Every structure is written in C-alpha cells, then in structure tokens.
Amino acid sequence: MKWIAAAGLLALATSQGALANEALLKANNCMACHAVATRMIGPAYKDVAAKYKGQKDAEAALALKIRKGSSGAWGPIPMPPNPQVSEADAATIAKWILQQK
C-alpha cells in the first residue's frame, strides 16, 4: 500500500512540475510564437526536442538561445532575445522543451 501512495505522490509532483513549467512558458510569452506540437511563428517544442536529442549540451544551448535570441536555425524569422527570463527560468524552460516527444 505504501508504494502505491508513493507512486501517486510522484505522479502528482511530476504533473505539477509539468504544469508549472507550462505556466512559466506562458508567463514569459513563449507561447505567443511556439506551441508544443505545431509550428507557429517558431518551431514546435517537439521539433526542437527532436533536433537536439542526444546532444549533451542541448539544455545549456537552448537556455542561452532563450535569453540571447538566435537566427537561422529554423528559417528566416529570428527569435528575439528574452533578457527578462532569468538564467534559472531559461534552464527550466529548456529542460522542459527537451522532454517533449
């Protein structure tokens, strides 16, 4: 019985973390240009995760792109810099993006 309760708490914590990270994306206006599964102005988060899959420095690289912006990686429309996003939040967002499938 105890392991069932522990599994339930783990599932709840995991889902709350996912919701919190999605809230972080919305709070930083990321969802204005990106969606989880479909391309909008920028690439879908699932596509970003697929592109960076297996790269050991992917989380740091994405966090840097979130804060500093980038151009040319996904076409002619550049991603503007987001200096209002803290380094910690950028790392959290990057980690969440890389978990999308």
Protein backbone atom coordinates (compact mmCIF):
# COMPACT_ATOMS: atom_id res chain seq x y z
CA MET A 1 0.00 0.00 0.00
CA LYS A 2 2.81 2.42 0.83
CA TRP A 3 4.37 2.06 -2.61
CA ILE A 4 1.01 2.93 -4.23
CA ALA A 5 0.83 6.12 -2.19
CA ALA A 6 4.45 6.94 -3.06
CA ALA A 7 3.79 6.34 -6.76
CA GLY A 8 0.74 8.58 -6.58
CA LEU A 9 2.73 11.36 -4.94
CA LEU A 10 5.47 11.04 -7.54
CA ALA A 11 2.93 11.23 -10.37
CA LEU A 12 1.31 14.28 -8.78
CA ALA A 13 4.65 16.03 -8.31
CA THR A 14 5.66 15.26 -11.88
CA SER A 15 2.41 16.56 -13.33
CA GLN A 16 2.56 19.68 -11.18
CA GLY A 17 6.11 20.28 -12.40
CA ALA A 18 4.94 19.98 -15.99
CA LEU A 19 2.09 22.40 -15.31
CA ALA A 20 4.42 24.80 -13.53
CA ASN A 21 6.81 24.78 -16.47
CA GLU A 22 3.99 25.38 -18.94
CA ALA A 23 2.91 28.28 -16.74
CA LEU A 24 6.48 29.57 -16.92
CA LEU A 25 6.32 29.41 -20.72
CA LYS A 26 3.06 31.35 -20.73
CA ALA A 27 4.30 33.89 -18.19
CA ASN A 28 7.32 34.65 -20.38
CA ASN A 29 5.19 34.88 -23.55
CA CYS A 30 6.90 31.88 -25.19
CA MET A 31 3.54 30.52 -26.32
CA ALA A 32 2.98 33.61 -28.48
CA CYS A 33 5.39 32.14 -31.06
CA HIS A 34 5.65 28.45 -30.11
CA ALA A 35 3.32 25.53 -29.44
CA VAL A 36 4.02 22.03 -28.17
CA ALA A 37 3.11 20.07 -31.29
CA THR A 38 2.62 22.52 -34.17
CA ARG A 39 4.82 25.08 -35.84
CA MET A 40 3.66 28.65 -35.40
CA ILE A 41 5.98 31.62 -35.88
CA GLY A 42 8.70 29.47 -34.34
CA PRO A 43 9.19 25.70 -34.29
CA ALA A 44 7.08 23.31 -32.22
CA TYR A 45 8.68 22.32 -28.94
CA LYS A 46 8.50 18.67 -30.03
CA ASP A 47 10.55 19.53 -33.12
CA VAL A 48 13.12 21.37 -31.03
CA ALA A 49 13.42 18.38 -28.70
CA ALA A 50 13.89 16.05 -31.69
CA LYS A 51 16.55 18.27 -33.23
CA TYR A 52 18.59 18.42 -30.03
CA LYS A 53 18.01 14.81 -28.92
CA GLY A 54 21.20 13.19 -27.72
CA GLN A 55 23.27 16.39 -27.63
CA LYS A 56 24.93 16.61 -24.24
CA ASP A 57 25.00 20.42 -24.20
CA ALA A 58 21.45 20.88 -25.53
CA GLU A 59 19.95 22.25 -22.31
CA ALA A 60 22.62 24.93 -21.92
CA ALA A 61 22.50 25.82 -25.62
CA LEU A 62 18.72 26.23 -25.58
CA ALA A 63 18.79 28.24 -22.36
CA LEU A 64 21.30 30.59 -23.99
CA LYS A 65 19.14 30.93 -27.12
CA ILE A 66 16.11 31.70 -24.97
CA ARG A 67 17.92 34.57 -23.25
CA LYS A 68 20.11 35.86 -26.11
CA GLY A 69 17.92 35.04 -29.13
CA SER A 70 19.03 33.29 -32.31
CA SER A 71 18.65 33.37 -36.07
CA GLY A 72 18.90 30.96 -38.95
CA ALA A 73 18.37 27.74 -37.02
CA TRP A 74 14.70 27.35 -38.05
CA GLY A 75 14.35 29.61 -41.06
CA PRO A 76 14.44 33.32 -41.80
CA ILE A 77 12.46 34.57 -38.78
CA PRO A 78 14.83 35.26 -35.88
CA MET A 79 13.99 34.52 -32.28
CA PRO A 80 14.34 37.77 -30.35
CA PRO A 81 16.32 37.89 -27.13
CA ASN A 82 14.42 37.46 -23.88
CA PRO A 83 16.66 39.08 -21.27
CA GLN A 84 13.75 39.27 -18.81
CA VAL A 85 13.90 35.48 -18.45
CA SER A 86 16.27 34.61 -15.62
CA GLU A 87 19.05 32.10 -16.20
CA ALA A 88 17.31 29.66 -13.84
CA ASP A 89 13.98 30.02 -15.65
CA ALA A 90 15.67 29.64 -19.04
CA ALA A 91 17.28 26.40 -17.85
CA THR A 92 13.92 25.14 -16.55
CA ILE A 93 12.22 26.00 -19.84
CA ALA A 94 14.99 24.36 -21.87
CA LYS A 95 14.79 21.21 -19.79
CA TRP A 96 11.00 21.08 -20.27
CA ILE A 97 11.32 21.59 -24.02
CA LEU A 98 13.83 18.75 -24.32
CA GLN A 99 11.39 16.40 -22.57
CA GLN A 100 8.72 16.86 -25.25
CA LYS A 101 8.04 13.90 -27.52
